[in-house]
Structure formats: structure tokens, C-alpha cells
PDB file of N, CA and C in Angstrom:
ATOM      1  N   MET A   1     -68.118 -59.440  18.354  1.00  0.00           N
ATOM      2  CA  MET A   1     -66.791 -59.503  19.308  1.00  0.00           C
ATOM      3  C   MET A   1     -66.687 -58.222  19.981  1.00  0.00           C
ATOM      4  N   ALA A   2     -66.464 -58.283  21.319  1.00  0.00           N
ATOM      5  CA  ALA A   2     -66.343 -56.981  22.069  1.00  0.00           C
ATOM      6  C   ALA A   2     -65.038 -56.263  21.786  1.00  0.00           C
ATOM      7  N   ASP A   3     -65.258 -54.929  21.606  1.00  0.00           N
ATOM      8  CA  ASP A   3     -64.263 -54.086  21.393  1.00  0.00           C
ATOM      9  C   ASP A   3     -63.608 -53.406  22.678  1.00  0.00           C
ATOM     10  N   HIS A   4     -64.109 -53.864  23.689  1.00  0.00           N
ATOM     11  CA  HIS A   4     -63.467 -53.301  25.103  1.00  0.00           C
ATOM     12  C   HIS A   4     -63.310 -54.506  25.935  1.00  0.00           C
ATOM     13  N   VAL A   5     -62.149 -54.503  26.420  1.00  0.00           N
ATOM     14  CA  VAL A   5     -61.744 -55.467  27.453  1.00  0.00           C
ATOM     15  C   VAL A   5     -61.983 -54.863  28.987  1.00  0.00           C
ATOM     16  N   VAL A   6     -62.671 -55.657  29.633  1.00  0.00           N
ATOM     17  CA  VAL A   6     -63.016 -55.201  31.117  1.00  0.00           C
ATOM     18  C   VAL A   6     -61.777 -55.705  31.906  1.00  0.00           C
ATOM     19  N   PRO A   7     -61.186 -54.393  32.668  1.00  0.00           N
ATOM     20  CA  PRO A   7     -59.952 -54.732  33.431  1.00  0.00           C
ATOM     21  C   PRO A   7     -60.183 -55.652  34.472  1.00  0.00           C
ATOM     22  N   HIS A   8     -59.113 -56.484  34.812  1.00  0.00           N
ATOM     23  CA  HIS A   8     -59.220 -57.485  35.957  1.00  0.00           C
ATOM     24  C   HIS A   8     -58.147 -56.991  37.120  1.00  0.00           C
ATOM     25  N   PHE A   9     -58.559 -57.112  38.339  1.00  0.00           N
ATOM     26  CA  PHE A   9     -57.721 -56.822  39.376  1.00  0.00           C
ATOM     27  C   PHE A   9     -57.776 -57.901  40.448  1.00  0.00           C
ATOM     28  N   GLN A  10     -56.736 -58.081  41.236  1.00  0.00           N
ATOM     29  CA  GLN A  10     -56.588 -58.969  42.176  1.00  0.00           C
ATOM     30  C   GLN A  10     -55.895 -58.351  43.406  1.00  0.00           C
ATOM     31  N   ASN A  11     -55.775 -59.116  44.462  1.00  0.00           N
ATOM     32  CA  ASN A  11     -55.187 -58.481  45.830  1.00  0.00           C
ATOM     33  C   ASN A  11     -54.549 -59.759  46.556  1.00  0.00           C
ATOM     34  N   SER A  12     -53.698 -60.609  45.742  1.00  0.00           N
ATOM     35  CA  SER A  12     -53.063 -61.644  46.323  1.00  0.00           C
ATOM     36  C   SER A  12     -52.080 -61.150  47.470  1.00  0.00           C
ATOM     37  N   SER A  13     -51.648 -59.962  47.723  1.00  0.00           N
ATOM     38  CA  SER A  13     -50.727 -59.388  48.439  1.00  0.00           C
ATOM     39  C   SER A  13     -51.459 -58.859  49.735  1.00  0.00           C
ATOM     40  N   GLY A  14     -52.638 -58.800  49.854  1.00  0.00           N
ATOM     41  CA  GLY A  14     -53.401 -58.307  50.885  1.00  0.00           C
ATOM     42  C   GLY A  14     -53.239 -57.018  51.383  1.00  0.00           C
ATOM     43  N   HIS A  15     -53.324 -56.012  50.386  1.00  0.00           N
ATOM     44  CA  HIS A  15     -53.327 -54.589  50.519  1.00  0.00           C
ATOM     45  C   HIS A  15     -54.574 -54.141  51.311  1.00  0.00           C
ATOM     46  N   ASP A  16     -54.460 -53.057  52.009  1.00  0.00           N
ATOM     47  CA  ASP A  16     -55.447 -52.643  52.719  1.00  0.00           C
ATOM     48  C   ASP A  16     -56.748 -52.042  51.674  1.00  0.00           C
ATOM     49  N   SER A  17     -56.131 -51.513  50.683  1.00  0.00           N
ATOM     50  CA  SER A  17     -56.953 -50.884  49.517  1.00  0.00           C
ATOM     51  C   SER A  17     -55.958 -50.935  48.188  1.00  0.00           C
ATOM     52  N   VAL A  18     -56.663 -50.837  47.198  1.00  0.00           N
ATOM     53  CA  VAL A  18     -56.154 -50.831  45.887  1.00  0.00           C
ATOM     54  C   VAL A  18     -56.708 -49.689  45.015  1.00  0.00           C
ATOM     55  N   ALA A  19     -55.734 -48.928  44.573  1.00  0.00           N
ATOM     56  CA  ALA A  19     -56.317 -47.668  43.603  1.00  0.00           C
ATOM     57  C   ALA A  19     -56.234 -48.314  42.191  1.00  0.00           C
ATOM     58  N   ILE A  20     -57.377 -47.830  41.463  1.00  0.00           N
ATOM     59  CA  ILE A  20     -57.407 -48.449  39.955  1.00  0.00           C
ATOM     60  C   ILE A  20     -57.888 -47.246  39.189  1.00  0.00           C
ATOM     61  N   GLY A  21     -57.592 -47.331  37.936  1.00  0.00           N
ATOM     62  CA  GLY A  21     -58.013 -46.315  36.912  1.00  0.00           C
ATOM     63  C   GLY A  21     -59.222 -46.564  36.173  1.00  0.00           C
ATOM     64  N   ALA A  22     -60.176 -47.611  36.792  1.00  0.00           N
ATOM     65  CA  ALA A  22     -61.415 -48.016  36.063  1.00  0.00           C
ATOM     66  C   ALA A  22     -62.429 -47.794  37.178  1.00  0.00           C
ATOM     67  N   ARG A  23     -63.760 -47.407  36.767  1.00  0.00           N
ATOM     68  CA  ARG A  23     -64.968 -47.602  37.591  1.00  0.00           C
ATOM     69  C   ARG A  23     -65.784 -48.941  37.453  1.00  0.00           C
ATOM     70  N   GLU A  24     -65.510 -49.555  36.206  1.00  0.00           N
ATOM     71  CA  GLU A  24     -65.982 -50.943  35.951  1.00  0.00           C
ATOM     72  C   GLU A  24     -64.929 -51.893  35.879  1.00  0.00           C
ATOM     73  N   PHE A  25     -65.044 -53.001  36.507  1.00  0.00           N
ATOM     74  CA  PHE A  25     -63.850 -53.865  36.220  1.00  0.00           C
ATOM     75  C   PHE A  25     -64.398 -55.258  36.936  1.00  0.00           C
ATOM     76  N   MET A  26     -63.397 -56.299  36.854  1.00  0.00           N
ATOM     77  CA  MET A  26     -63.696 -57.541  37.316  1.00  0.00           C
ATOM     78  C   MET A  26     -62.663 -57.726  38.561  1.00  0.00           C
ATOM     79  N   CYS A  27     -63.067 -58.168  39.714  1.00  0.00           N
ATOM     80  CA  CYS A  27     -62.217 -58.618  40.681  1.00  0.00           C
ATOM     81  C   CYS A  27     -62.127 -60.316  40.770  1.00  0.00           C
ATOM     82  N   ILE A  28     -60.904 -60.646  40.888  1.00  0.00           N
ATOM     83  CA  ILE A  28     -60.793 -62.147  40.945  1.00  0.00           C
ATOM     84  C   ILE A  28     -60.202 -62.571  42.089  1.00  0.00           C
ATOM     85  N   GLY A  29     -60.169 -61.669  43.116  1.00  0.00           N
ATOM     86  CA  GLY A  29     -59.624 -61.973  44.481  1.00  0.00           C
ATOM     87  C   GLY A  29     -58.196 -62.138  44.612  1.00  0.00           C
ATOM     88  N   ALA A  30     -57.658 -63.113  44.145  1.00  0.00           N
ATOM     89  CA  ALA A  30     -56.314 -63.574  44.144  1.00  0.00           C
ATOM     90  C   ALA A  30     -55.779 -64.053  42.747  1.00  0.00           C
ATOM     91  N   ASN A  31     -54.556 -64.102  42.560  1.00  0.00           N
ATOM     92  CA  ASN A  31     -53.898 -64.921  41.365  1.00  0.00           C
ATOM     93  C   ASN A  31     -54.496 -66.401  41.410  1.00  0.00           C
ATOM     94  N   PRO A  32     -54.831 -66.851  40.022  1.00  0.00           N
ATOM     95  CA  PRO A  32     -55.191 -68.218  40.024  1.00  0.00           C
ATOM     96  C   PRO A  32     -54.007 -69.052  40.334  1.00  0.00           C
ATOM     97  N   PRO A  33     -54.332 -70.180  40.990  1.00  0.00           N
ATOM     98  CA  PRO A  33     -55.523 -70.858  41.029  1.00  0.00           C
ATOM     99  C   PRO A  33     -56.344 -70.577  42.315  1.00  0.00           C
ATOM    100  N   PHE A  34     -55.809 -69.566  42.945  1.00  0.00           N
ATOM    101  CA  PHE A  34     -56.501 -69.161  44.358  1.00  0.00           C
ATOM    102  C   PHE A  34     -57.586 -68.023  44.205  1.00  0.00           C
ATOM    103  N   ASP A  35     -57.958 -67.859  43.011  1.00  0.00           N
ATOM    104  CA  ASP A  35     -59.083 -66.875  42.694  1.00  0.00           C
ATOM    105  C   ASP A  35     -60.404 -67.231  43.048  1.00  0.00           C
ATOM    106  N   HIS A  36     -61.331 -66.075  43.393  1.00  0.00           N
ATOM    107  CA  HIS A  36     -62.693 -66.584  43.683  1.00  0.00           C
ATOM    108  C   HIS A  36     -63.379 -66.256  42.448  1.00  0.00           C
ATOM    109  N   PRO A  37     -64.775 -66.587  42.349  1.00  0.00           N
ATOM    110  CA  PRO A  37     -65.561 -66.268  41.216  1.00  0.00           C
ATOM    111  C   PRO A  37     -65.213 -64.830  40.614  1.00  0.00           C
ATOM    112  N   HIS A  38     -64.989 -64.782  39.354  1.00  0.00           N
ATOM    113  CA  HIS A  38     -64.777 -63.330  38.930  1.00  0.00           C
ATOM    114  C   HIS A  38     -66.072 -62.666  38.746  1.00  0.00           C
ATOM    115  N   VAL A  39     -66.023 -61.410  39.455  1.00  0.00           N
ATOM    116  CA  VAL A  39     -67.356 -60.526  39.717  1.00  0.00           C
ATOM    117  C   VAL A  39     -67.128 -59.232  39.050  1.00  0.00           C
ATOM    118  N   PHE A  40     -68.061 -58.757  38.362  1.00  0.00           N
ATOM    119  CA  PHE A  40     -68.117 -57.535  37.707  1.00  0.00           C
ATOM    120  C   PHE A  40     -68.534 -56.485  38.808  1.00  0.00           C
ATOM    121  N   LEU A  41     -67.613 -55.466  39.036  1.00  0.00           N
ATOM    122  CA  LEU A  41     -68.086 -54.384  39.913  1.00  0.00           C
ATOM    123  C   LEU A  41     -68.241 -53.085  39.229  1.00  0.00           C
ATOM    124  N   ASP A  42     -69.099 -52.402  39.623  1.00  0.00           N
ATOM    125  CA  ASP A  42     -69.247 -50.965  38.991  1.00  0.00           C
ATOM    126  C   ASP A  42     -69.451 -49.905  40.150  1.00  0.00           C
ATOM    127  N   MET A  43     -68.589 -49.032  40.079  1.00  0.00           N
ATOM    128  CA  MET A  43     -68.598 -47.936  41.165  1.00  0.00           C
ATOM    129  C   MET A  43     -69.621 -47.054  40.828  1.00  0.00           C
ATOM    130  N   GLY A  44     -70.208 -46.757  39.564  1.00  0.00           N
ATOM    131  CA  GLY A  44     -71.114 -45.725  39.251  1.00  0.00           C
ATOM    132  C   GLY A  44     -70.636 -44.326  39.621  1.00  0.00           C
ATOM    133  N   ASP A  45     -71.194 -43.604  40.226  1.00  0.00           N
ATOM    134  CA  ASP A  45     -70.823 -42.266  40.599  1.00  0.00           C
ATOM    135  C   ASP A  45     -69.951 -42.219  41.689  1.00  0.00           C
ATOM    136  N   GLU A  46     -69.733 -43.423  42.489  1.00  0.00           N
ATOM    137  CA  GLU A  46     -68.978 -43.317  43.617  1.00  0.00           C
ATOM    138  C   GLU A  46     -67.491 -43.446  43.243  1.00  0.00           C
ATOM    139  N   ASN A  47     -66.528 -43.302  44.322  1.00  0.00           N
ATOM    140  CA  ASN A  47     -65.248 -43.415  43.977  1.00  0.00           C
ATOM    141  C   ASN A  47     -64.589 -44.570  44.654  1.00  0.00           C
ATOM    142  N   GLU A  48     -65.324 -45.451  45.144  1.00  0.00           N
ATOM    143  CA  GLU A  48     -64.713 -46.749  45.792  1.00  0.00           C
ATOM    144  C   GLU A  48     -65.893 -47.659  45.906  1.00  0.00           C
ATOM    145  N   VAL A  49     -65.584 -49.210  46.013  1.00  0.00           N
ATOM    146  CA  VAL A  49     -66.283 -50.167  46.023  1.00  0.00           C
ATOM    147  C   VAL A  49     -65.530 -51.318  46.739  1.00  0.00           C
ATOM    148  N   VAL A  50     -66.442 -52.004  47.479  1.00  0.00           N
ATOM    149  CA  VAL A  50     -65.911 -53.145  48.193  1.00  0.00           C
ATOM    150  C   VAL A  50     -66.219 -54.528  47.653  1.00  0.00           C
ATOM    151  N   CYS A  51     -65.361 -55.188  47.151  1.00  0.00           N
ATOM    152  CA  CYS A  51     -65.665 -56.581  46.511  1.00  0.00           C
ATOM    153  C   CYS A  51     -66.475 -57.467  47.679  1.00  0.00           C
ATOM    154  N   PRO A  52     -67.504 -57.976  47.236  1.00  0.00           N
ATOM    155  CA  PRO A  52     -68.340 -58.781  48.260  1.00  0.00           C
ATOM    156  C   PRO A  52     -67.803 -60.119  48.504  1.00  0.00           C
ATOM    157  N   TYR A  53     -66.899 -60.683  47.667  1.00  0.00           N
ATOM    158  CA  TYR A  53     -66.301 -62.011  47.908  1.00  0.00           C
ATOM    159  C   TYR A  53     -64.957 -61.733  48.853  1.00  0.00           C
ATOM    160  N   CYS A  54     -64.115 -61.002  48.508  1.00  0.00           N
ATOM    161  CA  CYS A  54     -62.686 -60.831  49.188  1.00  0.00           C
ATOM    162  C   CYS A  54     -62.563 -59.602  50.103  1.00  0.00           C
ATOM    163  N   SER A  55     -63.539 -58.860  50.093  1.00  0.00           N
ATOM    164  CA  SER A  55     -63.580 -57.567  50.879  1.00  0.00           C
ATOM    165  C   SER A  55     -62.500 -56.590  50.409  1.00  0.00           C
ATOM    166  N   THR A  56     -61.851 -56.676  49.285  1.00  0.00           N
ATOM    167  CA  THR A  56     -60.904 -55.742  49.025  1.00  0.00           C
ATOM    168  C   THR A  56     -61.417 -54.318  48.605  1.00  0.00           C
ATOM    169  N   LEU A  57     -60.969 -53.268  49.268  1.00  0.00           N
ATOM    170  CA  LEU A  57     -61.419 -51.921  48.880  1.00  0.00           C
ATOM    171  C   LEU A  57     -60.744 -51.573  47.675  1.00  0.00           C
ATOM    172  N   TYR A  58     -61.646 -51.226  46.645  1.00  0.00           N
ATOM    173  CA  TYR A  58     -61.008 -50.538  45.411  1.00  0.00           C
ATOM    174  C   TYR A  58     -61.404 -49.146  45.422  1.00  0.00           C
ATOM    175  N   LYS A  59     -60.474 -48.242  44.950  1.00  0.00           N
ATOM    176  CA  LYS A  59     -60.597 -46.880  45.042  1.00  0.00           C
ATOM    177  C   LYS A  59     -60.276 -46.255  43.574  1.00  0.00           C
ATOM    178  N   PHE A  60     -61.174 -45.481  43.192  1.00  0.00           N
ATOM    179  CA  PHE A  60     -60.961 -45.030  41.851  1.00  0.00           C
ATOM    180  C   PHE A  60     -59.810 -43.775  41.998  1.00  0.00           C
ATOM    181  N   ASP A  61     -58.905 -43.765  41.005  1.00  0.00           N
ATOM    182  CA  ASP A  61     -57.861 -42.907  40.805  1.00  0.00           C
ATOM    183  C   ASP A  61     -57.612 -42.448  39.364  1.00  0.00           C
ATOM    184  N   ALA A  62     -58.081 -41.205  39.167  1.00  0.00           N
ATOM    185  CA  ALA A  62     -58.166 -40.773  37.728  1.00  0.00           C
ATOM    186  C   ALA A  62     -56.826 -40.534  37.162  1.00  0.00           C
ATOM    187  N   THR A  63     -55.765 -40.585  37.922  1.00  0.00           N
ATOM    188  CA  THR A  63     -54.243 -40.509  37.429  1.00  0.00           C
ATOM    189  C   THR A  63     -53.742 -41.647  36.929  1.00  0.00           C
ATOM    190  N   LEU A  64     -54.615 -42.729  37.100  1.00  0.00           N
ATOM    191  CA  LEU A  64     -54.109 -44.165  36.493  1.00  0.00           C
ATOM    192  C   LEU A  64     -54.874 -44.461  35.273  1.00  0.00           C
ATOM    193  N   LYS A  65     -54.230 -45.233  34.377  1.00  0.00           N
ATOM    194  CA  LYS A  65     -54.891 -45.673  33.059  1.00  0.00           C
ATOM    195  C   LYS A  65     -55.985 -46.780  33.616  1.00  0.00           C
ATOM    196  N   GLU A  66     -56.864 -46.943  32.769  1.00  0.00           N
ATOM    197  CA  GLU A  66     -57.904 -47.982  33.088  1.00  0.00           C
ATOM    198  C   GLU A  66     -57.421 -49.310  33.502  1.00  0.00           C
ATOM    199  N   VAL A  67     -56.364 -49.795  32.951  1.00  0.00           N
ATOM    200  CA  VAL A  67     -55.786 -51.023  33.371  1.00  0.00           C
ATOM    201  C   VAL A  67     -54.649 -51.120  34.389  1.00  0.00           C
ATOM    202  N   GLU A  68     -54.556 -50.025  34.928  1.00  0.00           N
ATOM    203  CA  GLU A  68     -53.415 -49.808  35.988  1.00  0.00           C
ATOM    204  C   GLU A  68     -54.104 -49.742  37.364  1.00  0.00           C
ATOM    205  N   SER A  69     -53.182 -50.160  38.270  1.00  0.00           N
ATOM    206  CA  SER A  69     -53.413 -50.232  39.810  1.00  0.00           C
ATOM    207  C   SER A  69     -52.239 -49.796  40.618  1.00  0.00           C
ATOM    208  N   SER A  70     -52.584 -49.385  41.714  1.00  0.00           N
ATOM    209  CA  SER A  70     -51.394 -49.059  42.722  1.00  0.00           C
ATOM    210  C   SER A  70     -51.851 -49.601  44.080  1.00  0.00           C
ATOM    211  N   PRO A  71     -51.184 -50.434  44.556  1.00  0.00           N
ATOM    212  CA  PRO A  71     -49.930 -51.198  43.939  1.00  0.00           C
ATOM    213  C   PRO A  71     -50.045 -51.824  42.625  1.00  0.00           C
ATOM    214  N   ALA A  72     -48.936 -51.877  41.924  1.00  0.00           N
ATOM    215  CA  ALA A  72     -49.084 -52.315  40.477  1.00  0.00           C
ATOM    216  C   ALA A  72     -49.208 -53.737  40.474  1.00  0.00           C
ATOM    217  N   ASP A  73     -48.849 -54.501  41.452  1.00  0.00           N
ATOM    218  CA  ASP A  73     -48.997 -56.084  41.511  1.00  0.00           C
ATOM    219  C   ASP A  73     -50.398 -56.449  41.494  1.00  0.00           C
ATOM    220  N   CYS A  74     -51.262 -55.429  41.692  1.00  0.00           N
ATOM    221  CA  CYS A  74     -52.877 -55.886  41.792  1.00  0.00           C
ATOM    222  C   CYS A  74     -53.415 -55.902  40.407  1.00  0.00           C
ATOM    223  N   THR A  75     -52.610 -55.556  39.246  1.00  0.00           N
ATOM    224  CA  THR A  75     -53.272 -55.825  38.007  1.00  0.00           C
ATOM    225  C   THR A  75     -53.075 -57.130  37.585  1.00  0.00           C
ATOM    226  N   TRP A  76     -54.229 -57.699  36.861  1.00  0.00           N
ATOM    227  CA  TRP A  76     -54.055 -59.175  36.273  1.00  0.00           C
ATOM    228  C   TRP A  76     -54.420 -59.080  34.958  1.00  0.00           C
ATOM    229  N   THR A  77     -53.709 -59.852  34.114  1.00  0.00           N
ATOM    230  CA  THR A  77     -54.129 -59.938  32.645  1.00  0.00           C
ATOM    231  C   THR A  77     -54.286 -61.465  32.285  1.00  0.00           C
ATOM    232  N   PRO A  78     -55.553 -61.645  31.921  1.00  0.00           N
ATOM    233  CA  PRO A  78     -56.007 -62.968  31.559  1.00  0.00           C
ATOM    234  C   PRO A  78     -54.935 -63.653  30.562  1.00  0.00           C
ATOM    235  N   ALA A  79     -55.042 -64.902  30.712  1.00  0.00           N
ATOM    236  CA  ALA A  79     -54.011 -65.716  29.617  1.00  0.00           C
ATOM    237  C   ALA A  79     -54.930 -65.691  28.318  1.00  0.00           C
ATOM    238  N   ALA A  80     -54.154 -65.554  27.249  1.00  0.00           N
ATOM    239  CA  ALA A  80     -54.700 -65.633  25.819  1.00  0.00           C
ATOM    240  C   ALA A  80     -55.442 -67.050  25.639  1.00  0.00           C
ATOM    241  N   ALA A  81     -56.580 -67.239  25.230  1.00  0.00           N
ATOM    242  CA  ALA A  81     -57.362 -68.489  24.900  1.00  0.00           C
ATOM    243  C   ALA A  81     -56.593 -69.254  23.859  1.00  0.00           C
TER     244      ALA A  81
END
């Protein structure tokens, strides 16, 4: 079983960019049921990445916790199975 949960983010509100506290994460596009295929994105050594599905610009912000975003409404928590 995995001991690390990959943070998920979305941009249902259509923000120009989303600051996040993770360099590796999943973009789901929008809140379900309007989400796109959940894609794993990795910034590597860079400080930003664009989702190839929804074109959301994600920017790394070291002041945020790994599961936090700014605006805060862009953090998504999957429902428990």
C-alpha cells in the first residue's frame, strides 16, 4: 500500500494560474463530473507547469503545504473508496 498520497488539484473557477505546494501532483481539470482524465504532472526542477488537457498554469509556492493551493478552492480531495 502506498504511504504517500499524490495531491490533486482542479481549476473549476477558471483562474489564470494556481499556486500549489507540490511539484508532483494530479490535475483533474474541474470538479467531477466535469473532470478530464486525471494526469500526473511533475515540475522537476522548474517552478511551473501547464496541464496539457485544461491548460491550467500551476506554479510552485514553497510557502504552501503539499496539499494546499492558492486560490484555496483549487485543492481537490478524492472521496474515500
